[in-house]
Structures are given as C-alpha cells and as structure tokens.
Amino acid sequence: MGEQSLRPRTFLLGNIPNSTAYRNVEQYRNANHVLGILILEIDAPIYFANASYLRER
C-alpha cells in the first residue's frame, strides 16, 4: 500500500462562473467558492486506512 493512498492529495473545488463545471481553485483563479459548502476532490479511493487523514484535512 503506497503513501499516495494513505495520504491522498486533496483539492478544493470552486464553480467556474456561468457553467456547471467545478475546478481546483488554486489552478483556476476565477473559480468561486460555494458559500456554506466545502467541495473536495480526493485523488484516491476513500477507505479505512486513509479516513482519519481525510477527516483531519
């Protein structure tokens, strides 16, 4: 089991104006946060071994 699956990369997503697309807010500066909602992209499956790490993130 690799480090990548135990501590997967996570990305905060935001909405691209006038679309239904959600993109990484660090790469797309025009992506807007959705008020009151946290949208994460997780770069690995969620399972018991990485659940605590993801909860902390």
PDB file of N, CA and C in Angstrom:
ATOM      1  N   MET A   1       0.863  -1.172   0.000  1.00  0.00           N
ATOM      2  CA  MET A   1       0.000   0.000   0.000  1.00  0.00           C
ATOM      3  C   MET A   1       0.907   1.231   0.000  1.00  0.00           C
ATOM      4  N   GLY A   2       0.703   2.102  -0.943  1.00  0.00           N
ATOM      5  CA  GLY A   2       1.569   3.261  -1.082  1.00  0.00           C
ATOM      6  C   GLY A   2       1.157   4.449  -0.240  1.00  0.00           C
ATOM      7  N   GLU A   3       2.108   5.357  -0.077  1.00  0.00           N
ATOM      8  CA  GLU A   3       1.859   6.601   0.667  1.00  0.00           C
ATOM      9  C   GLU A   3       0.737   7.407   0.018  1.00  0.00           C
ATOM     10  N   GLN A   4       0.640   7.329  -1.308  1.00  0.00           N
ATOM     11  CA  GLN A   4      -0.372   8.100  -2.044  1.00  0.00           C
ATOM     12  C   GLN A   4      -1.787   7.713  -1.607  1.00  0.00           C
ATOM     13  N   SER A   5      -2.027   6.434  -1.347  1.00  0.00           N
ATOM     14  CA  SER A   5      -3.373   6.026  -0.949  1.00  0.00           C
ATOM     15  C   SER A   5      -3.648   6.297   0.531  1.00  0.00           C
ATOM     16  N   LEU A   6      -2.583   6.358   1.360  1.00  0.00           N
ATOM     17  CA  LEU A   6      -2.773   6.649   2.782  1.00  0.00           C
ATOM     18  C   LEU A   6      -2.946   8.140   3.042  1.00  0.00           C
ATOM     19  N   ARG A   7      -2.262   8.961   2.265  1.00  0.00           N
ATOM     20  CA  ARG A   7      -2.355  10.414   2.379  1.00  0.00           C
ATOM     21  C   ARG A   7      -2.595  11.008   0.989  1.00  0.00           C
ATOM     22  N   PRO A   8      -3.804  10.801   0.466  1.00  0.00           N
ATOM     23  CA  PRO A   8      -4.070  11.256  -0.905  1.00  0.00           C
ATOM     24  C   PRO A   8      -4.080  12.780  -1.012  1.00  0.00           C
ATOM     25  N   ARG A   9      -3.745  13.251  -2.188  1.00  0.00           N
ATOM     26  CA  ARG A   9      -3.837  14.688  -2.434  1.00  0.00           C
ATOM     27  C   ARG A   9      -5.307  15.090  -2.431  1.00  0.00           C
ATOM     28  N   THR A  10      -5.573  16.274  -1.908  1.00  0.00           N
ATOM     29  CA  THR A  10      -6.932  16.820  -1.911  1.00  0.00           C
ATOM     30  C   THR A  10      -6.901  18.193  -2.548  1.00  0.00           C
ATOM     31  N   PHE A  11      -7.981  18.529  -3.220  1.00  0.00           N
ATOM     32  CA  PHE A  11      -8.079  19.800  -3.916  1.00  0.00           C
ATOM     33  C   PHE A  11      -9.418  20.450  -3.583  1.00  0.00           C
ATOM     34  N   LEU A  12      -9.390  21.714  -3.242  1.00  0.00           N
ATOM     35  CA  LEU A  12     -10.605  22.487  -3.008  1.00  0.00           C
ATOM     36  C   LEU A  12     -11.150  22.924  -4.353  1.00  0.00           C
ATOM     37  N   LEU A  13     -12.426  22.628  -4.600  1.00  0.00           N
ATOM     38  CA  LEU A  13     -13.035  22.967  -5.883  1.00  0.00           C
ATOM     39  C   LEU A  13     -13.959  24.158  -5.753  1.00  0.00           C
ATOM     40  N   GLY A  14     -14.042  24.914  -6.837  1.00  0.00           N
ATOM     41  CA  GLY A  14     -14.951  26.045  -6.928  1.00  0.00           C
ATOM     42  C   GLY A  14     -15.642  26.028  -8.275  1.00  0.00           C
ATOM     43  N   ASN A  15     -16.740  26.731  -8.360  1.00  0.00           N
ATOM     44  CA  ASN A  15     -17.539  26.783  -9.585  1.00  0.00           C
ATOM     45  C   ASN A  15     -16.970  27.798 -10.564  1.00  0.00           C
ATOM     46  N   ILE A  16     -16.859  27.394 -11.816  1.00  0.00           N
ATOM     47  CA  ILE A  16     -16.467  28.312 -12.886  1.00  0.00           C
ATOM     48  C   ILE A  16     -17.704  29.128 -13.249  1.00  0.00           C
ATOM     49  N   PRO A  17     -17.609  30.460 -13.233  1.00  0.00           N
ATOM     50  CA  PRO A  17     -18.779  31.303 -13.500  1.00  0.00           C
ATOM     51  C   PRO A  17     -19.480  30.940 -14.809  1.00  0.00           C
ATOM     52  N   ASN A  18     -20.794  30.994 -14.784  1.00  0.00           N
ATOM     53  CA  ASN A  18     -21.659  30.739 -15.935  1.00  0.00           C
ATOM     54  C   ASN A  18     -21.485  29.335 -16.504  1.00  0.00           C
ATOM     55  N   SER A  19     -21.209  28.354 -15.623  1.00  0.00           N
ATOM     56  CA  SER A  19     -21.096  26.972 -16.080  1.00  0.00           C
ATOM     57  C   SER A  19     -21.487  26.037 -14.938  1.00  0.00           C
ATOM     58  N   THR A  20     -21.513  24.760 -15.233  1.00  0.00           N
ATOM     59  CA  THR A  20     -21.754  23.746 -14.207  1.00  0.00           C
ATOM     60  C   THR A  20     -20.455  23.043 -13.841  1.00  0.00           C
ATOM     61  N   ALA A  21     -19.314  23.575 -14.280  1.00  0.00           N
ATOM     62  CA  ALA A  21     -18.009  22.963 -14.032  1.00  0.00           C
ATOM     63  C   ALA A  21     -17.444  23.411 -12.686  1.00  0.00           C
ATOM     64  N   TYR A  22     -16.773  22.496 -12.014  1.00  0.00           N
ATOM     65  CA  TYR A  22     -16.076  22.772 -10.765  1.00  0.00           C
ATOM     66  C   TYR A  22     -14.618  22.403 -10.963  1.00  0.00           C
ATOM     67  N   ARG A  23     -13.722  23.325 -10.594  1.00  0.00           N
ATOM     68  CA  ARG A  23     -12.292  23.127 -10.829  1.00  0.00           C
ATOM     69  C   ARG A  23     -11.486  23.513  -9.586  1.00  0.00           C
ATOM     70  N   ASN A  24     -10.242  23.085  -9.555  1.00  0.00           N
ATOM     71  CA  ASN A  24      -9.305  23.379  -8.477  1.00  0.00           C
ATOM     72  C   ASN A  24      -9.131  24.897  -8.373  1.00  0.00           C
ATOM     73  N   VAL A  25      -9.412  25.450  -7.196  1.00  0.00           N
ATOM     74  CA  VAL A  25      -9.341  26.910  -7.037  1.00  0.00           C
ATOM     75  C   VAL A  25      -7.911  27.437  -7.103  1.00  0.00           C
ATOM     76  N   GLU A  26      -6.915  26.573  -6.882  1.00  0.00           N
ATOM     77  CA  GLU A  26      -5.528  27.016  -6.999  1.00  0.00           C
ATOM     78  C   GLU A  26      -5.091  27.123  -8.457  1.00  0.00           C
ATOM     79  N   GLN A  27      -5.662  26.320  -9.323  1.00  0.00           N
ATOM     80  CA  GLN A  27      -5.303  26.362 -10.743  1.00  0.00           C
ATOM     81  C   GLN A  27      -6.187  27.317 -11.536  1.00  0.00           C
ATOM     82  N   TYR A  28      -7.438  27.457 -11.110  1.00  0.00           N
ATOM     83  CA  TYR A  28      -8.392  28.312 -11.822  1.00  0.00           C
ATOM     84  C   TYR A  28      -8.775  29.459 -10.893  1.00  0.00           C
ATOM     85  N   ARG A  29      -8.105  30.575 -11.044  1.00  0.00           N
ATOM     86  CA  ARG A  29      -8.324  31.722 -10.152  1.00  0.00           C
ATOM     87  C   ARG A  29      -9.735  32.293 -10.240  1.00  0.00           C
ATOM     88  N   ASN A  30     -10.438  32.031 -11.344  1.00  0.00           N
ATOM     89  CA  ASN A  30     -11.806  32.549 -11.473  1.00  0.00           C
ATOM     90  C   ASN A  30     -12.852  31.595 -10.894  1.00  0.00           C
ATOM     91  N   ALA A  31     -12.417  30.446 -10.362  1.00  0.00           N
ATOM     92  CA  ALA A  31     -13.351  29.509  -9.730  1.00  0.00           C
ATOM     93  C   ALA A  31     -13.817  30.085  -8.391  1.00  0.00           C
ATOM     94  N   ASN A  32     -15.127  30.111  -8.198  1.00  0.00           N
ATOM     95  CA  ASN A  32     -15.719  30.709  -6.999  1.00  0.00           C
ATOM     96  C   ASN A  32     -16.066  29.643  -5.969  1.00  0.00           C
ATOM     97  N   HIS A  33     -15.753  29.924  -4.693  1.00  0.00           N
ATOM     98  CA  HIS A  33     -16.166  29.043  -3.600  1.00  0.00           C
ATOM     99  C   HIS A  33     -17.683  29.067  -3.526  1.00  0.00           C
ATOM    100  N   VAL A  34     -18.268  27.951  -3.164  1.00  0.00           N
ATOM    101  CA  VAL A  34     -19.710  27.868  -2.974  1.00  0.00           C
ATOM    102  C   VAL A  34     -19.985  28.134  -1.500  1.00  0.00           C
ATOM    103  N   LEU A  35     -20.703  29.192  -1.210  1.00  0.00           N
ATOM    104  CA  LEU A  35     -20.962  29.630   0.158  1.00  0.00           C
ATOM    105  C   LEU A  35     -21.603  28.513   0.985  1.00  0.00           C
ATOM    106  N   GLY A  36     -20.979  28.181   2.106  1.00  0.00           N
ATOM    107  CA  GLY A  36     -21.530  27.202   3.025  1.00  0.00           C
ATOM    108  C   GLY A  36     -21.273  25.750   2.664  1.00  0.00           C
ATOM    109  N   ILE A  37     -20.547  25.506   1.564  1.00  0.00           N
ATOM    110  CA  ILE A  37     -20.291  24.130   1.125  1.00  0.00           C
ATOM    111  C   ILE A  37     -18.807  23.969   0.829  1.00  0.00           C
ATOM    112  N   LEU A  38     -18.227  22.879   1.316  1.00  0.00           N
ATOM    113  CA  LEU A  38     -16.843  22.535   1.028  1.00  0.00           C
ATOM    114  C   LEU A  38     -16.853  21.411   0.005  1.00  0.00           C
ATOM    115  N   ILE A  39     -16.268  21.659  -1.161  1.00  0.00           N
ATOM    116  CA  ILE A  39     -16.222  20.658  -2.219  1.00  0.00           C
ATOM    117  C   ILE A  39     -14.773  20.251  -2.411  1.00  0.00           C
ATOM    118  N   LEU A  40     -14.477  18.983  -2.117  1.00  0.00           N
ATOM    119  CA  LEU A  40     -13.120  18.462  -2.236  1.00  0.00           C
ATOM    120  C   LEU A  40     -13.049  17.412  -3.328  1.00  0.00           C
ATOM    121  N   GLU A  41     -11.935  17.415  -4.032  1.00  0.00           N
ATOM    122  CA  GLU A  41     -11.606  16.313  -4.921  1.00  0.00           C
ATOM    123  C   GLU A  41     -10.517  15.527  -4.201  1.00  0.00           C
ATOM    124  N   ILE A  42     -10.703  14.236  -4.096  1.00  0.00           N
ATOM    125  CA  ILE A  42      -9.749  13.373  -3.406  1.00  0.00           C
ATOM    126  C   ILE A  42      -9.125  12.457  -4.447  1.00  0.00           C
ATOM    127  N   ASP A  43      -7.797  12.449  -4.494  1.00  0.00           N
ATOM    128  CA  ASP A  43      -7.066  11.756  -5.542  1.00  0.00           C
ATOM    129  C   ASP A  43      -6.774  10.291  -5.190  1.00  0.00           C
ATOM    130  N   ALA A  44      -7.740   9.617  -4.537  1.00  0.00           N
ATOM    131  CA  ALA A  44      -7.613   8.197  -4.186  1.00  0.00           C
ATOM    132  C   ALA A  44      -8.960   7.726  -3.649  1.00  0.00           C
ATOM    133  N   PRO A  45      -9.172   6.432  -3.637  1.00  0.00           N
ATOM    134  CA  PRO A  45     -10.398   5.919  -3.015  1.00  0.00           C
ATOM    135  C   PRO A  45     -10.402   6.207  -1.510  1.00  0.00           C
ATOM    136  N   ILE A  46     -11.574   6.372  -0.943  1.00  0.00           N
ATOM    137  CA  ILE A  46     -11.713   6.566   0.500  1.00  0.00           C
ATOM    138  C   ILE A  46     -11.929   5.194   1.128  1.00  0.00           C
ATOM    139  N   TYR A  47     -11.094   4.833   2.113  1.00  0.00           N
ATOM    140  CA  TYR A  47     -11.247   3.571   2.815  1.00  0.00           C
ATOM    141  C   TYR A  47     -10.678   3.719   4.222  1.00  0.00           C
ATOM    142  N   PHE A  48     -10.785   2.688   5.023  1.00  0.00           N
ATOM    143  CA  PHE A  48     -10.469   2.788   6.448  1.00  0.00           C
ATOM    144  C   PHE A  48      -9.060   3.317   6.725  1.00  0.00           C
ATOM    145  N   ALA A  49      -8.078   2.995   5.889  1.00  0.00           N
ATOM    146  CA  ALA A  49      -6.698   3.392   6.167  1.00  0.00           C
ATOM    147  C   ALA A  49      -6.445   4.886   5.977  1.00  0.00           C
ATOM    148  N   ASN A  50      -7.226   5.556   5.143  1.00  0.00           N
ATOM    149  CA  ASN A  50      -6.995   6.989   4.938  1.00  0.00           C
ATOM    150  C   ASN A  50      -8.137   7.857   5.472  1.00  0.00           C
ATOM    151  N   ALA A  51      -9.133   7.267   6.083  1.00  0.00           N
ATOM    152  CA  ALA A  51     -10.294   8.025   6.559  1.00  0.00           C
ATOM    153  C   ALA A  51      -9.912   9.060   7.615  1.00  0.00           C
ATOM    154  N   SER A  52      -9.044   8.710   8.554  1.00  0.00           N
ATOM    155  CA  SER A  52      -8.639   9.659   9.599  1.00  0.00           C
ATOM    156  C   SER A  52      -7.883  10.837   9.000  1.00  0.00           C
ATOM    157  N   TYR A  53      -6.983  10.555   8.072  1.00  0.00           N
ATOM    158  CA  TYR A  53      -6.227  11.624   7.413  1.00  0.00           C
ATOM    159  C   TYR A  53      -7.177  12.579   6.686  1.00  0.00           C
ATOM    160  N   LEU A  54      -8.134  12.030   5.954  1.00  0.00           N
ATOM    161  CA  LEU A  54      -9.060  12.884   5.209  1.00  0.00           C
ATOM    162  C   LEU A  54      -9.947  13.693   6.150  1.00  0.00           C
ATOM    163  N   ARG A  55     -10.352  13.115   7.251  1.00  0.00           N
ATOM    164  CA  ARG A  55     -11.170  13.839   8.221  1.00  0.00           C
ATOM    165  C   ARG A  55     -10.390  15.038   8.765  1.00  0.00           C
ATOM    166  N   GLU A  56      -9.089  14.852   9.026  1.00  0.00           N
ATOM    167  CA  GLU A  56      -8.245  15.950   9.525  1.00  0.00           C
ATOM    168  C   GLU A  56      -8.071  17.052   8.484  1.00  0.00           C
ATOM    169  N   ARG A  57      -7.982  16.688   7.233  1.00  0.00           N
ATOM    170  CA  ARG A  57      -7.796  17.680   6.164  1.00  0.00           C
ATOM    171  C   ARG A  57      -9.006  18.557   6.088  1.00  0.00           C
TER     172      ARG A  57
END
